[in-house]
Amino acid sequence: MEDTSKRDMVVAVGAGLVVLALVLAGIFFLHGEVGKPSDNQLTGVIVAKHDSGEREQEISFGKKGLKTGDGDTGFTFDVRVESEGRTYVLPVNEGLYRSKKVGDTQAFIRPRSEQR
């Protein structure tokens, strides 16, 4: 019995050291990736702002019956990204639309159909 428990202890300590080494190697190799911007994160300059003037009607149904309200839609920015050589149209909410002006920078995530 004594030999088996010593062997089990050695195997357990060895397995623990292997797991610890893998975790430390992962931390070491991924440390350089911290703070590095994603390829899908773009930043550009707002070249135009558009307010379509149309609002979605939101209808919700609950215990108190139907409730309607205006949606926060119809606002877009045209953002020029020089590194991509193109202009993106970004739908934004009304708060962001009102807080930014033409010439400001805007960060956004690349459209899903173009993600790398």
PDB file of N, CA and C in Angstrom:
ATOM      1  N   MET A   1       0.816  -1.184   0.000  1.00  0.00           N
ATOM      2  CA  MET A   1       0.000   0.000   0.000  1.00  0.00           C
ATOM      3  C   MET A   1       0.870   1.262   0.000  1.00  0.00           C
ATOM      4  N   GLU A   2       1.960   1.239   0.722  1.00  0.00           N
ATOM      5  CA  GLU A   2       2.809   2.420   0.839  1.00  0.00           C
ATOM      6  C   GLU A   2       3.369   2.845  -0.511  1.00  0.00           C
ATOM      7  N   ASP A   3       3.779   1.907  -1.369  1.00  0.00           N
ATOM      8  CA  ASP A   3       4.336   2.235  -2.678  1.00  0.00           C
ATOM      9  C   ASP A   3       3.288   2.876  -3.575  1.00  0.00           C
ATOM     10  N   THR A   4       2.077   2.386  -3.518  1.00  0.00           N
ATOM     11  CA  THR A   4       1.013   2.918  -4.365  1.00  0.00           C
ATOM     12  C   THR A   4       0.715   4.372  -4.001  1.00  0.00           C
ATOM     13  N   SER A   5       0.653   4.706  -2.766  1.00  0.00           N
ATOM     14  CA  SER A   5       0.332   6.075  -2.369  1.00  0.00           C
ATOM     15  C   SER A   5       1.473   7.036  -2.739  1.00  0.00           C
ATOM     16  N   LYS A   6       2.730   6.572  -2.644  1.00  0.00           N
ATOM     17  CA  LYS A   6       3.850   7.416  -3.064  1.00  0.00           C
ATOM     18  C   LYS A   6       3.794   7.653  -4.571  1.00  0.00           C
ATOM     19  N   ARG A   7       3.491   6.576  -5.310  1.00  0.00           N
ATOM     20  CA  ARG A   7       3.402   6.698  -6.758  1.00  0.00           C
ATOM     21  C   ARG A   7       2.262   7.645  -7.144  1.00  0.00           C
ATOM     22  N   ASP A   8       1.134   7.522  -6.476  1.00  0.00           N
ATOM     23  CA  ASP A   8      -0.004   8.399  -6.757  1.00  0.00           C
ATOM     24  C   ASP A   8       0.348   9.859  -6.476  1.00  0.00           C
ATOM     25  N   MET A   9       1.094  10.067  -5.390  1.00  0.00           N
ATOM     26  CA  MET A   9       1.486  11.426  -5.050  1.00  0.00           C
ATOM     27  C   MET A   9       2.420  12.002  -6.121  1.00  0.00           C
ATOM     28  N   VAL A  10       3.375  11.221  -6.595  1.00  0.00           N
ATOM     29  CA  VAL A  10       4.315  11.683  -7.618  1.00  0.00           C
ATOM     30  C   VAL A  10       3.572  12.008  -8.911  1.00  0.00           C
ATOM     31  N   VAL A  11       2.615  11.136  -9.295  1.00  0.00           N
ATOM     32  CA  VAL A  11       1.834  11.375 -10.517  1.00  0.00           C
ATOM     33  C   VAL A  11       0.989  12.647 -10.365  1.00  0.00           C
ATOM     34  N   ALA A  12       0.374  12.835  -9.210  1.00  0.00           N
ATOM     35  CA  ALA A  12      -0.465  14.012  -8.985  1.00  0.00           C
ATOM     36  C   ALA A  12       0.366  15.296  -9.009  1.00  0.00           C
ATOM     37  N   VAL A  13       1.531  15.275  -8.361  1.00  0.00           N
ATOM     38  CA  VAL A  13       2.396  16.454  -8.364  1.00  0.00           C
ATOM     39  C   VAL A  13       2.902  16.725  -9.774  1.00  0.00           C
ATOM     40  N   GLY A  14       3.281  15.696 -10.490  1.00  0.00           N
ATOM     41  CA  GLY A  14       3.748  15.859 -11.879  1.00  0.00           C
ATOM     42  C   GLY A  14       2.660  16.442 -12.772  1.00  0.00           C
ATOM     43  N   ALA A  15       1.438  15.924 -12.633  1.00  0.00           N
ATOM     44  CA  ALA A  15       0.326  16.449 -13.438  1.00  0.00           C
ATOM     45  C   ALA A  15       0.052  17.913 -13.073  1.00  0.00           C
ATOM     46  N   GLY A  16       0.123  18.238 -11.809  1.00  0.00           N
ATOM     47  CA  GLY A  16      -0.077  19.623 -11.374  1.00  0.00           C
ATOM     48  C   GLY A  16       0.975  20.555 -11.943  1.00  0.00           C
ATOM     49  N   LEU A  17       2.221  20.098 -11.961  1.00  0.00           N
ATOM     50  CA  LEU A  17       3.295  20.918 -12.523  1.00  0.00           C
ATOM     51  C   LEU A  17       3.125  21.127 -14.024  1.00  0.00           C
ATOM     52  N   VAL A  18       2.660  20.096 -14.724  1.00  0.00           N
ATOM     53  CA  VAL A  18       2.418  20.228 -16.163  1.00  0.00           C
ATOM     54  C   VAL A  18       1.311  21.252 -16.420  1.00  0.00           C
ATOM     55  N   VAL A  19       0.228  21.178 -15.658  1.00  0.00           N
ATOM     56  CA  VAL A  19      -0.873  22.132 -15.812  1.00  0.00           C
ATOM     57  C   VAL A  19      -0.394  23.545 -15.490  1.00  0.00           C
ATOM     58  N   LEU A  20       0.361  23.709 -14.428  1.00  0.00           N
ATOM     59  CA  LEU A  20       0.904  25.016 -14.061  1.00  0.00           C
ATOM     60  C   LEU A  20       1.806  25.551 -15.170  1.00  0.00           C
ATOM     61  N   ALA A  21       2.646  24.703 -15.733  1.00  0.00           N
ATOM     62  CA  ALA A  21       3.539  25.127 -16.817  1.00  0.00           C
ATOM     63  C   ALA A  21       2.735  25.579 -18.036  1.00  0.00           C
ATOM     64  N   LEU A  22       1.649  24.883 -18.366  1.00  0.00           N
ATOM     65  CA  LEU A  22       0.815  25.278 -19.511  1.00  0.00           C
ATOM     66  C   LEU A  22       0.134  26.622 -19.265  1.00  0.00           C
ATOM     67  N   VAL A  23      -0.352  26.834 -18.059  1.00  0.00           N
ATOM     68  CA  VAL A  23      -0.991  28.116 -17.733  1.00  0.00           C
ATOM     69  C   VAL A  23       0.023  29.251 -17.822  1.00  0.00           C
ATOM     70  N   LEU A  24       1.209  29.055 -17.254  1.00  0.00           N
ATOM     71  CA  LEU A  24       2.238  30.092 -17.296  1.00  0.00           C
ATOM     72  C   LEU A  24       2.704  30.356 -18.729  1.00  0.00           C
ATOM     73  N   ALA A  25       2.821  29.304 -19.550  1.00  0.00           N
ATOM     74  CA  ALA A  25       3.207  29.492 -20.951  1.00  0.00           C
ATOM     75  C   ALA A  25       2.130  30.291 -21.694  1.00  0.00           C
ATOM     76  N   GLY A  26       0.866  30.003 -21.424  1.00  0.00           N
ATOM     77  CA  GLY A  26      -0.214  30.758 -22.049  1.00  0.00           C
ATOM     78  C   GLY A  26      -0.178  32.223 -21.670  1.00  0.00           C
ATOM     79  N   ILE A  27       0.058  32.509 -20.406  1.00  0.00           N
ATOM     80  CA  ILE A  27       0.146  33.894 -19.948  1.00  0.00           C
ATOM     81  C   ILE A  27       1.339  34.587 -20.610  1.00  0.00           C
ATOM     82  N   PHE A  28       2.467  33.897 -20.678  1.00  0.00           N
ATOM     83  CA  PHE A  28       3.674  34.478 -21.261  1.00  0.00           C
ATOM     84  C   PHE A  28       3.479  34.802 -22.741  1.00  0.00           C
ATOM     85  N   PHE A  29       2.917  33.865 -23.514  1.00  0.00           N
ATOM     86  CA  PHE A  29       2.778  34.065 -24.949  1.00  0.00           C
ATOM     87  C   PHE A  29       1.654  35.036 -25.304  1.00  0.00           C
ATOM     88  N   LEU A  30       0.612  35.126 -24.502  1.00  0.00           N
ATOM     89  CA  LEU A  30      -0.497  36.021 -24.802  1.00  0.00           C
ATOM     90  C   LEU A  30      -0.322  37.415 -24.209  1.00  0.00           C
ATOM     91  N   HIS A  31       0.721  37.596 -23.406  1.00  0.00           N
ATOM     92  CA  HIS A  31       0.949  38.890 -22.783  1.00  0.00           C
ATOM     93  C   HIS A  31       1.131  39.992 -23.826  1.00  0.00           C
ATOM     94  N   GLY A  32       1.752  39.678 -24.940  1.00  0.00           N
ATOM     95  CA  GLY A  32       1.979  40.658 -26.003  1.00  0.00           C
ATOM     96  C   GLY A  32       0.692  41.078 -26.708  1.00  0.00           C
ATOM     97  N   GLU A  33      -0.385  40.317 -26.582  1.00  0.00           N
ATOM     98  CA  GLU A  33      -1.647  40.622 -27.238  1.00  0.00           C
ATOM     99  C   GLU A  33      -2.500  41.619 -26.453  1.00  0.00           C
ATOM    100  N   VAL A  34      -2.175  41.852 -25.196  1.00  0.00           N
ATOM    101  CA  VAL A  34      -2.968  42.739 -24.357  1.00  0.00           C
ATOM    102  C   VAL A  34      -2.859  44.166 -24.876  1.00  0.00           C
ATOM    103  N   GLY A  35      -3.990  44.824 -25.048  1.00  0.00           N
ATOM    104  CA  GLY A  35      -4.003  46.203 -25.509  1.00  0.00           C
ATOM    105  C   GLY A  35      -3.843  46.363 -27.005  1.00  0.00           C
ATOM    106  N   LYS A  36      -3.588  45.287 -27.713  1.00  0.00           N
ATOM    107  CA  LYS A  36      -3.429  45.343 -29.158  1.00  0.00           C
ATOM    108  C   LYS A  36      -4.811  45.440 -29.794  1.00  0.00           C
ATOM    109  N   PRO A  37      -5.049  46.438 -30.649  1.00  0.00           N
ATOM    110  CA  PRO A  37      -6.376  46.565 -31.241  1.00  0.00           C
ATOM    111  C   PRO A  37      -6.686  45.403 -32.181  1.00  0.00           C
ATOM    112  N   SER A  38      -7.944  45.044 -32.208  1.00  0.00           N
ATOM    113  CA  SER A  38      -8.394  43.968 -33.082  1.00  0.00           C
ATOM    114  C   SER A  38      -8.374  44.443 -34.531  1.00  0.00           C
ATOM    115  N   ASP A  39      -8.203  43.524 -35.458  1.00  0.00           N
ATOM    116  CA  ASP A  39      -8.280  43.863 -36.878  1.00  0.00           C
ATOM    117  C   ASP A  39      -9.686  44.311 -37.246  1.00  0.00           C
ATOM    118  N   ASN A  40     -10.660  43.940 -36.439  1.00  0.00           N
ATOM    119  CA  ASN A  40     -12.043  44.297 -36.718  1.00  0.00           C
ATOM    120  C   ASN A  40     -12.444  45.638 -36.106  1.00  0.00           C
ATOM    121  N   GLN A  41     -11.572  46.251 -35.323  1.00  0.00           N
ATOM    122  CA  GLN A  41     -11.849  47.556 -34.726  1.00  0.00           C
ATOM    123  C   GLN A  41     -11.313  48.634 -35.662  1.00  0.00           C
ATOM    124  N   LEU A  42     -12.186  49.488 -36.150  1.00  0.00           N
ATOM    125  CA  LEU A  42     -11.790  50.547 -37.071  1.00  0.00           C
ATOM    126  C   LEU A  42     -12.065  51.907 -36.433  1.00  0.00           C
ATOM    127  N   THR A  43     -11.290  52.894 -36.834  1.00  0.00           N
ATOM    128  CA  THR A  43     -11.496  54.265 -36.390  1.00  0.00           C
ATOM    129  C   THR A  43     -11.403  55.163 -37.608  1.00  0.00           C
ATOM    130  N   GLY A  44     -12.356  56.060 -37.730  1.00  0.00           N
ATOM    131  CA  GLY A  44     -12.358  56.964 -38.870  1.00  0.00           C
ATOM    132  C   GLY A  44     -12.900  58.325 -38.488  1.00  0.00           C
ATOM    133  N   VAL A  45     -13.006  59.183 -39.478  1.00  0.00           N
ATOM    134  CA  VAL A  45     -13.475  60.552 -39.289  1.00  0.00           C
ATOM    135  C   VAL A  45     -14.895  60.659 -39.844  1.00  0.00           C
ATOM    136  N   ILE A  46     -15.769  61.281 -39.070  1.00  0.00           N
ATOM    137  CA  ILE A  46     -17.145  61.477 -39.515  1.00  0.00           C
ATOM    138  C   ILE A  46     -17.138  62.532 -40.615  1.00  0.00           C
ATOM    139  N   VAL A  47     -17.602  62.152 -41.814  1.00  0.00           N
ATOM    140  CA  VAL A  47     -17.628  63.086 -42.932  1.00  0.00           C
ATOM    141  C   VAL A  47     -19.035  63.606 -43.202  1.00  0.00           C
ATOM    142  N   ALA A  48     -20.059  62.912 -42.685  1.00  0.00           N
ATOM    143  CA  ALA A  48     -21.437  63.382 -42.857  1.00  0.00           C
ATOM    144  C   ALA A  48     -22.323  62.759 -41.787  1.00  0.00           C
ATOM    145  N   LYS A  49     -23.388  63.499 -41.444  1.00  0.00           N
ATOM    146  CA  LYS A  49     -24.390  63.013 -40.500  1.00  0.00           C
ATOM    147  C   LYS A  49     -25.746  63.038 -41.212  1.00  0.00           C
ATOM    148  N   HIS A  50     -26.545  61.987 -40.992  1.00  0.00           N
ATOM    149  CA  HIS A  50     -27.851  61.917 -41.648  1.00  0.00           C
ATOM    150  C   HIS A  50     -28.925  61.601 -40.614  1.00  0.00           C
ATOM    151  N   ASP A  51     -30.000  62.369 -40.690  1.00  0.00           N
ATOM    152  CA  ASP A  51     -31.187  62.112 -39.876  1.00  0.00           C
ATOM    153  C   ASP A  51     -32.324  61.924 -40.862  1.00  0.00           C
ATOM    154  N   SER A  52     -32.794  60.699 -41.003  1.00  0.00           N
ATOM    155  CA  SER A  52     -33.817  60.409 -42.010  1.00  0.00           C
ATOM    156  C   SER A  52     -35.152  61.063 -41.675  1.00  0.00           C
ATOM    157  N   GLY A  53     -35.333  61.452 -40.435  1.00  0.00           N
ATOM    158  CA  GLY A  53     -36.591  62.066 -40.040  1.00  0.00           C
ATOM    159  C   GLY A  53     -37.693  61.056 -39.790  1.00  0.00           C
ATOM    160  N   GLU A  54     -37.424  59.810 -40.105  1.00  0.00           N
ATOM    161  CA  GLU A  54     -38.412  58.756 -39.884  1.00  0.00           C
ATOM    162  C   GLU A  54     -38.062  57.997 -38.617  1.00  0.00           C
ATOM    163  N   ARG A  55     -39.056  57.667 -37.832  1.00  0.00           N
ATOM    164  CA  ARG A  55     -38.833  56.925 -36.598  1.00  0.00           C
ATOM    165  C   ARG A  55     -39.641  55.641 -36.621  1.00  0.00           C
ATOM    166  N   GLU A  56     -39.041  54.605 -36.125  1.00  0.00           N
ATOM    167  CA  GLU A  56     -39.770  53.343 -35.974  1.00  0.00           C
ATOM    168  C   GLU A  56     -40.773  53.488 -34.846  1.00  0.00           C
ATOM    169  N   GLN A  57     -41.909  52.875 -35.002  1.00  0.00           N
ATOM    170  CA  GLN A  57     -42.885  52.814 -33.920  1.00  0.00           C
ATOM    171  C   GLN A  57     -42.669  51.501 -33.193  1.00  0.00           C
ATOM    172  N   GLU A  58     -42.350  51.581 -31.926  1.00  0.00           N
ATOM    173  CA  GLU A  58     -42.182  50.384 -31.111  1.00  0.00           C
ATOM    174  C   GLU A  58     -43.498  50.095 -30.409  1.00  0.00           C
ATOM    175  N   ILE A  59     -43.991  48.888 -30.585  1.00  0.00           N
ATOM    176  CA  ILE A  59     -45.231  48.477 -29.939  1.00  0.00           C
ATOM    177  C   ILE A  59     -44.913  47.324 -29.009  1.00  0.00           C
ATOM    178  N   SER A  60     -45.273  47.482 -27.743  1.00  0.00           N
ATOM    179  CA  SER A  60     -45.048  46.409 -26.788  1.00  0.00           C
ATOM    180  C   SER A  60     -46.391  46.029 -26.165  1.00  0.00           C
ATOM    181  N   PHE A  61     -46.498  44.764 -25.847  1.00  0.00           N
ATOM    182  CA  PHE A  61     -47.732  44.244 -25.276  1.00  0.00           C
ATOM    183  C   PHE A  61     -47.413  43.664 -23.910  1.00  0.00           C
ATOM    184  N   GLY A  62     -48.152  44.093 -22.909  1.00  0.00           N
ATOM    185  CA  GLY A  62     -47.903  43.609 -21.559  1.00  0.00           C
ATOM    186  C   GLY A  62     -49.188  43.510 -20.776  1.00  0.00           C
ATOM    187  N   LYS A  63     -49.071  43.461 -19.475  1.00  0.00           N
ATOM    188  CA  LYS A  63     -50.237  43.339 -18.600  1.00  0.00           C
ATOM    189  C   LYS A  63     -51.162  44.541 -18.711  1.00  0.00           C
ATOM    190  N   LYS A  64     -50.592  45.693 -19.016  1.00  0.00           N
ATOM    191  CA  LYS A  64     -51.390  46.913 -19.097  1.00  0.00           C
ATOM    192  C   LYS A  64     -51.888  47.178 -20.516  1.00  0.00           C
ATOM    193  N   GLY A  65     -51.737  46.227 -21.411  1.00  0.00           N
ATOM    194  CA  GLY A  65     -52.206  46.392 -22.785  1.00  0.00           C
ATOM    195  C   GLY A  65     -51.093  46.830 -23.718  1.00  0.00           C
ATOM    196  N   LEU A  66     -51.485  47.433 -24.825  1.00  0.00           N
ATOM    197  CA  LEU A  66     -50.519  47.891 -25.828  1.00  0.00           C
ATOM    198  C   LEU A  66     -49.882  49.208 -25.404  1.00  0.00           C
ATOM    199  N   LYS A  67     -48.614  49.329 -25.695  1.00  0.00           N
ATOM    200  CA  LYS A  67     -47.893  50.558 -25.402  1.00  0.00           C
ATOM    201  C   LYS A  67     -47.064  50.889 -26.636  1.00  0.00           C
ATOM    202  N   THR A  68     -47.143  52.109 -27.118  1.00  0.00           N
ATOM    203  CA  THR A  68     -46.381  52.500 -28.299  1.00  0.00           C
ATOM    204  C   THR A  68     -45.387  53.585 -27.928  1.00  0.00           C
ATOM    205  N   GLY A  69     -44.336  53.666 -28.718  1.00  0.00           N
ATOM    206  CA  GLY A  69     -43.320  54.687 -28.502  1.00  0.00           C
ATOM    207  C   GLY A  69     -42.437  54.788 -29.729  1.00  0.00           C
ATOM    208  N   ASP A  70     -41.711  55.886 -29.827  1.00  0.00           N
ATOM    209  CA  ASP A  70     -40.795  56.071 -30.952  1.00  0.00           C
ATOM    210  C   ASP A  70     -39.497  55.332 -30.675  1.00  0.00           C
ATOM    211  N   GLY A  71     -38.983  54.673 -31.700  1.00  0.00           N
ATOM    212  CA  GLY A  71     -37.697  53.994 -31.586  1.00  0.00           C
ATOM    213  C   GLY A  71     -36.554  54.982 -31.763  1.00  0.00           C
ATOM    214  N   ASP A  72     -35.406  54.603 -31.339  1.00  0.00           N
ATOM    215  CA  ASP A  72     -34.207  55.439 -31.429  1.00  0.00           C
ATOM    216  C   ASP A  72     -33.472  55.074 -32.717  1.00  0.00           C
ATOM    217  N   THR A  73     -34.105  55.316 -33.863  1.00  0.00           N
ATOM    218  CA  THR A  73     -33.536  54.907 -35.148  1.00  0.00           C
ATOM    219  C   THR A  73     -33.578  56.064 -36.138  1.00  0.00           C
ATOM    220  N   GLY A  74     -32.977  55.860 -37.287  1.00  0.00           N
ATOM    221  CA  GLY A  74     -33.003  56.866 -38.341  1.00  0.00           C
ATOM    222  C   GLY A  74     -31.793  57.777 -38.355  1.00  0.00           C
ATOM    223  N   PHE A  75     -30.814  57.530 -37.480  1.00  0.00           N
ATOM    224  CA  PHE A  75     -29.621  58.367 -37.417  1.00  0.00           C
ATOM    225  C   PHE A  75     -28.426  57.570 -37.930  1.00  0.00           C
ATOM    226  N   THR A  76     -27.639  58.172 -38.823  1.00  0.00           N
ATOM    227  CA  THR A  76     -26.454  57.496 -39.355  1.00  0.00           C
ATOM    228  C   THR A  76     -25.303  58.482 -39.489  1.00  0.00           C
ATOM    229  N   PHE A  77     -24.098  57.926 -39.449  1.00  0.00           N
ATOM    230  CA  PHE A  77     -22.872  58.665 -39.742  1.00  0.00           C
ATOM    231  C   PHE A  77     -22.250  58.059 -40.984  1.00  0.00           C
ATOM    232  N   ASP A  78     -21.639  58.885 -41.809  1.00  0.00           N
ATOM    233  CA  ASP A  78     -20.728  58.407 -42.848  1.00  0.00           C
ATOM    234  C   ASP A  78     -19.330  58.596 -42.275  1.00  0.00           C
ATOM    235  N   VAL A  79     -18.614  57.495 -42.089  1.00  0.00           N
ATOM    236  CA  VAL A  79     -17.292  57.540 -41.463  1.00  0.00           C
ATOM    237  C   VAL A  79     -16.246  57.105 -42.478  1.00  0.00           C
ATOM    238  N   ARG A  80     -15.278  57.967 -42.731  1.00  0.00           N
ATOM    239  CA  ARG A  80     -14.198  57.690 -43.678  1.00  0.00           C
ATOM    240  C   ARG A  80     -13.032  57.061 -42.932  1.00  0.00           C
ATOM    241  N   VAL A  81     -12.637  55.860 -43.367  1.00  0.00           N
ATOM    242  CA  VAL A  81     -11.491  55.150 -42.783  1.00  0.00           C
ATOM    243  C   VAL A  81     -10.402  55.120 -43.850  1.00  0.00           C
ATOM    244  N   GLU A  82      -9.375  55.930 -43.662  1.00  0.00           N
ATOM    245  CA  GLU A  82      -8.320  56.062 -44.675  1.00  0.00           C
ATOM    246  C   GLU A  82      -7.542  54.765 -44.877  1.00  0.00           C
ATOM    247  N   SER A  83      -7.295  54.015 -43.786  1.00  0.00           N
ATOM    248  CA  SER A  83      -6.510  52.783 -43.918  1.00  0.00           C
ATOM    249  C   SER A  83      -7.231  51.748 -44.782  1.00  0.00           C
ATOM    250  N   GLU A  84      -8.561  51.817 -44.830  1.00  0.00           N
ATOM    251  CA  GLU A  84      -9.349  50.899 -45.656  1.00  0.00           C
ATOM    252  C   GLU A  84      -9.668  51.519 -47.011  1.00  0.00           C
ATOM    253  N   GLY A  85      -9.503  52.824 -47.114  1.00  0.00           N
ATOM    254  CA  GLY A  85      -9.773  53.511 -48.361  1.00  0.00           C
ATOM    255  C   GLY A  85     -11.256  53.553 -48.718  1.00  0.00           C
ATOM    256  N   ARG A  86     -12.120  53.629 -47.714  1.00  0.00           N
ATOM    257  CA  ARG A  86     -13.550  53.651 -47.995  1.00  0.00           C
ATOM    258  C   ARG A  86     -14.318  54.349 -46.880  1.00  0.00           C
ATOM    259  N   THR A  87     -15.590  54.591 -47.179  1.00  0.00           N
ATOM    260  CA  THR A  87     -16.485  55.239 -46.227  1.00  0.00           C
ATOM    261  C   THR A  87     -17.544  54.242 -45.793  1.00  0.00           C
ATOM    262  N   TYR A  88     -17.755  54.131 -44.488  1.00  0.00           N
ATOM    263  CA  TYR A  88     -18.758  53.232 -43.914  1.00  0.00           C
ATOM    264  C   TYR A  88     -19.966  54.043 -43.462  1.00  0.00           C
ATOM    265  N   VAL A  89     -21.145  53.473 -43.594  1.00  0.00           N
ATOM    266  CA  VAL A  89     -22.363  54.082 -43.082  1.00  0.00           C
ATOM    267  C   VAL A  89     -22.704  53.368 -41.779  1.00  0.00           C
ATOM    268  N   LEU A  90     -22.720  54.134 -40.668  1.00  0.00           N
ATOM    269  CA  LEU A  90     -22.953  53.559 -39.352  1.00  0.00           C
ATOM    270  C   LEU A  90     -24.298  54.006 -38.794  1.00  0.00           C
ATOM    271  N   PRO A  91     -25.180  53.081 -38.464  1.00  0.00           N
ATOM    272  CA  PRO A  91     -26.384  53.478 -37.740  1.00  0.00           C
ATOM    273  C   PRO A  91     -26.008  53.776 -36.289  1.00  0.00           C
ATOM    274  N   VAL A  92     -26.504  54.873 -35.753  1.00  0.00           N
ATOM    275  CA  VAL A  92     -26.192  55.269 -34.378  1.00  0.00           C
ATOM    276  C   VAL A  92     -27.465  55.675 -33.656  1.00  0.00           C
ATOM    277  N   ASN A  93     -27.381  55.724 -32.327  1.00  0.00           N
ATOM    278  CA  ASN A  93     -28.551  56.179 -31.560  1.00  0.00           C
ATOM    279  C   ASN A  93     -28.561  57.714 -31.509  1.00  0.00           C
ATOM    280  N   GLU A  94     -29.674  58.253 -31.061  1.00  0.00           N
ATOM    281  CA  GLU A  94     -29.850  59.700 -31.088  1.00  0.00           C
ATOM    282  C   GLU A  94     -28.857  60.418 -30.184  1.00  0.00           C
ATOM    283  N   GLY A  95     -28.535  59.843 -29.033  1.00  0.00           N
ATOM    284  CA  GLY A  95     -27.581  60.476 -28.126  1.00  0.00           C
ATOM    285  C   GLY A  95     -26.214  60.651 -28.753  1.00  0.00           C
ATOM    286  N   LEU A  96     -25.722  59.607 -29.402  1.00  0.00           N
ATOM    287  CA  LEU A  96     -24.423  59.686 -30.067  1.00  0.00           C
ATOM    288  C   LEU A  96     -24.489  60.641 -31.251  1.00  0.00           C
ATOM    289  N   TYR A  97     -25.590  60.605 -31.974  1.00  0.00           N
ATOM    290  CA  TYR A  97     -25.782  61.486 -33.126  1.00  0.00           C
ATOM    291  C   TYR A  97     -25.686  62.950 -32.708  1.00  0.00           C
ATOM    292  N   ARG A  98     -26.308  63.286 -31.584  1.00  0.00           N
ATOM    293  CA  ARG A  98     -26.313  64.678 -31.118  1.00  0.00           C
ATOM    294  C   ARG A  98     -24.956  65.091 -30.524  1.00  0.00           C
ATOM    295  N   SER A  99     -24.212  64.124 -29.970  1.00  0.00           N
ATOM    296  CA  SER A  99     -22.955  64.473 -29.286  1.00  0.00           C
ATOM    297  C   SER A  99     -21.767  64.616 -30.229  1.00  0.00           C
ATOM    298  N   LYS A 100     -21.838  64.072 -31.421  1.00  0.00           N
ATOM    299  CA  LYS A 100     -20.711  64.130 -32.359  1.00  0.00           C
ATOM    300  C   LYS A 100     -21.004  65.120 -33.477  1.00  0.00           C
ATOM    301  N   LYS A 101     -19.923  65.673 -34.051  1.00  0.00           N
ATOM    302  CA  LYS A 101     -20.087  66.564 -35.192  1.00  0.00           C
ATOM    303  C   LYS A 101     -19.150  66.110 -36.311  1.00  0.00           C
ATOM    304  N   VAL A 102     -19.392  66.633 -37.504  1.00  0.00           N
ATOM    305  CA  VAL A 102     -18.555  66.296 -38.651  1.00  0.00           C
ATOM    306  C   VAL A 102     -17.119  66.696 -38.335  1.00  0.00           C
ATOM    307  N   GLY A 103     -16.175  65.782 -38.585  1.00  0.00           N
ATOM    308  CA  GLY A 103     -14.762  66.016 -38.289  1.00  0.00           C
ATOM    309  C   GLY A 103     -14.285  65.281 -37.048  1.00  0.00           C
ATOM    310  N   ASP A 104     -15.223  64.841 -36.192  1.00  0.00           N
ATOM    311  CA  ASP A 104     -14.855  64.053 -35.015  1.00  0.00           C
ATOM    312  C   ASP A 104     -14.468  62.636 -35.448  1.00  0.00           C
ATOM    313  N   THR A 105     -13.703  61.956 -34.597  1.00  0.00           N
ATOM    314  CA  THR A 105     -13.368  60.561 -34.878  1.00  0.00           C
ATOM    315  C   THR A 105     -14.413  59.648 -34.247  1.00  0.00           C
ATOM    316  N   GLN A 106     -14.611  58.500 -34.884  1.00  0.00           N
ATOM    317  CA  GLN A 106     -15.573  57.522 -34.392  1.00  0.00           C
ATOM    318  C   GLN A 106     -14.974  56.130 -34.556  1.00  0.00           C
ATOM    319  N   ALA A 107     -14.948  55.373 -33.468  1.00  0.00           N
ATOM    320  CA  ALA A 107     -14.478  53.986 -33.498  1.00  0.00           C
ATOM    321  C   ALA A 107     -15.689  53.079 -33.622  1.00  0.00           C
ATOM    322  N   PHE A 108     -15.523  51.991 -34.358  1.00  0.00           N
ATOM    323  CA  PHE A 108     -16.607  51.039 -34.554  1.00  0.00           C
ATOM    324  C   PHE A 108     -16.037  49.690 -34.955  1.00  0.00           C
ATOM    325  N   ILE A 109     -16.877  48.687 -34.904  1.00  0.00           N
ATOM    326  CA  ILE A 109     -16.469  47.336 -35.290  1.00  0.00           C
ATOM    327  C   ILE A 109     -16.834  47.114 -36.752  1.00  0.00           C
ATOM    328  N   ARG A 110     -15.915  46.521 -37.479  1.00  0.00           N
ATOM    329  CA  ARG A 110     -16.117  46.221 -38.893  1.00  0.00           C
ATOM    330  C   ARG A 110     -17.423  45.426 -39.064  1.00  0.00           C
ATOM    331  N   PRO A 111     -18.175  45.667 -40.138  1.00  0.00           N
ATOM    332  CA  PRO A 111     -19.402  44.906 -40.359  1.00  0.00           C
ATOM    333  C   PRO A 111     -19.148  43.395 -40.347  1.00  0.00           C
ATOM    334  N   ARG A 112     -20.120  42.651 -39.834  1.00  0.00           N
ATOM    335  CA  ARG A 112     -19.959  41.193 -39.669  1.00  0.00           C
ATOM    336  C   ARG A 112     -19.588  40.500 -40.985  1.00  0.00           C
ATOM    337  N   SER A 113     -20.134  40.958 -42.096  1.00  0.00           N
ATOM    338  CA  SER A 113     -19.847  40.320 -43.379  1.00  0.00           C
ATOM    339  C   SER A 113     -18.407  40.515 -43.833  1.00  0.00           C
ATOM    340  N   GLU A 114     -17.687  41.459 -43.227  1.00  0.00           N
ATOM    341  CA  GLU A 114     -16.313  41.758 -43.612  1.00  0.00           C
ATOM    342  C   GLU A 114     -15.285  41.424 -42.546  1.00  0.00           C
ATOM    343  N   GLN A 115     -15.719  40.837 -41.437  1.00  0.00           N
ATOM    344  CA  GLN A 115     -14.792  40.598 -40.336  1.00  0.00           C
ATOM    345  C   GLN A 115     -13.717  39.589 -40.706  1.00  0.00           C
ATOM    346  N   ARG A 116     -12.536  39.805 -40.127  1.00  0.00           N
ATOM    347  CA  ARG A 116     -11.374  38.954 -40.409  1.00  0.00           C
ATOM    348  C   ARG A 116     -11.129  37.986 -39.300  1.00  0.00           C
TER     349      ARG A 116
END
